Every structure is written in structure tokens, then in C-alpha cells.
Amino acid sequence: MSIFDVGERTDFATTMEESLICAISKDDFKSFVEKNPNLNLEISKLIGFRMRKYSERIAE
């Protein structure tokens, strides 16, 4: 989601087992998504799903 946000990210995650974390710059990720239309579609679906979920929470 941070690709659409200009502010600093405040989210974090905790792993339940040893994990390898990989990072990519926002510009590199944006370029990669622009070159991969299927990934772009999947990200759009994910964003829509999250927005619907948040809207349902607000409605409750």
C-alpha cells in the first residue's frame, strides 16, 4: 500500500518463525509493477478487497 502513500510507513509485522525479509525501493517496485500487468491487476484486486473490508468495519 505504501506505493500510493507519500508518508512514512508505520505498519510492522512479527514473524512466528525465522524469516528472510527482502526490501525493494518504492521506485523499483513501481517500475516492476508497470512492466507486469498481471501483477498490477492482482494488486488492484487486493486494494479493492481491503477497501471493502474497511468499509464493512466502518458500517458496523
Protein backbone atom coordinates (compact mmCIF):
# COMPACT_ATOMS: atom_id res chain seq x y z
CA MET A 1 0.00 0.00 0.00
CA SER A 2 2.92 2.34 0.54
CA ILE A 3 3.35 2.82 -3.20
CA PHE A 4 0.30 5.12 -3.04
CA ASP A 5 1.28 6.87 0.19
CA VAL A 6 3.84 9.64 0.46
CA GLY A 7 4.11 9.50 4.24
CA GLU A 8 6.32 7.33 6.39
CA ARG A 9 5.05 3.79 6.97
CA THR A 10 4.03 2.94 10.50
CA ASP A 11 2.95 -0.68 9.96
CA PHE A 12 5.02 -3.57 11.16
CA ALA A 13 4.91 -7.34 11.21
CA THR A 14 6.10 -10.04 13.59
CA THR A 15 7.14 -13.43 12.30
CA MET A 16 6.28 -16.64 14.07
CA GLU A 17 9.42 -18.39 12.81
CA GLU A 18 12.80 -17.42 11.42
CA SER A 19 12.26 -15.49 8.20
CA LEU A 20 14.16 -13.85 5.39
CA ILE A 21 12.98 -10.30 4.70
CA CYS A 22 13.64 -8.65 1.34
CA ALA A 23 13.18 -4.94 0.68
CA ILE A 24 12.66 -3.03 -2.55
CA SER A 25 12.59 0.72 -3.08
CA LYS A 26 9.28 2.32 -3.94
CA ASP A 27 10.61 3.46 -7.33
CA ASP A 28 11.92 -0.02 -8.22
CA PHE A 29 8.62 -1.61 -7.18
CA LYS A 30 6.62 0.90 -9.18
CA SER A 31 8.74 0.21 -12.27
CA PHE A 32 8.35 -3.55 -11.79
CA VAL A 33 4.57 -3.30 -11.46
CA GLU A 34 4.32 -1.11 -14.56
CA LYS A 35 6.17 -3.79 -16.56
CA ASN A 36 3.99 -6.66 -15.22
CA PRO A 37 0.29 -6.07 -15.97
CA ASN A 38 -0.84 -9.28 -14.24
CA LEU A 39 0.82 -8.19 -11.01
CA ASN A 40 -0.76 -4.77 -11.40
CA LEU A 41 -4.19 -6.43 -11.68
CA GLU A 42 -3.61 -8.58 -8.59
CA ILE A 43 -2.50 -5.57 -6.55
CA SER A 44 -5.62 -3.69 -7.67
CA LYS A 45 -7.79 -6.62 -6.53
CA LEU A 46 -6.02 -6.67 -3.16
CA ILE A 47 -6.56 -2.95 -2.67
CA GLY A 48 -10.25 -3.31 -3.57
CA PHE A 49 -10.63 -6.19 -1.11
CA ARG A 50 -9.02 -4.18 1.69
CA MET A 51 -11.18 -1.14 0.96
CA ARG A 52 -14.33 -3.27 1.06
CA LYS A 53 -13.22 -4.84 4.34
CA TYR A 54 -12.55 -1.43 5.89
CA SER A 55 -15.89 -0.10 4.64
CA GLU A 56 -17.68 -3.04 6.26
CA ARG A 57 -15.89 -2.37 9.56
CA ILE A 58 -16.93 1.28 9.44
CA ALA A 59 -20.54 0.33 8.68
CA GLU A 60 -20.65 -1.94 11.74
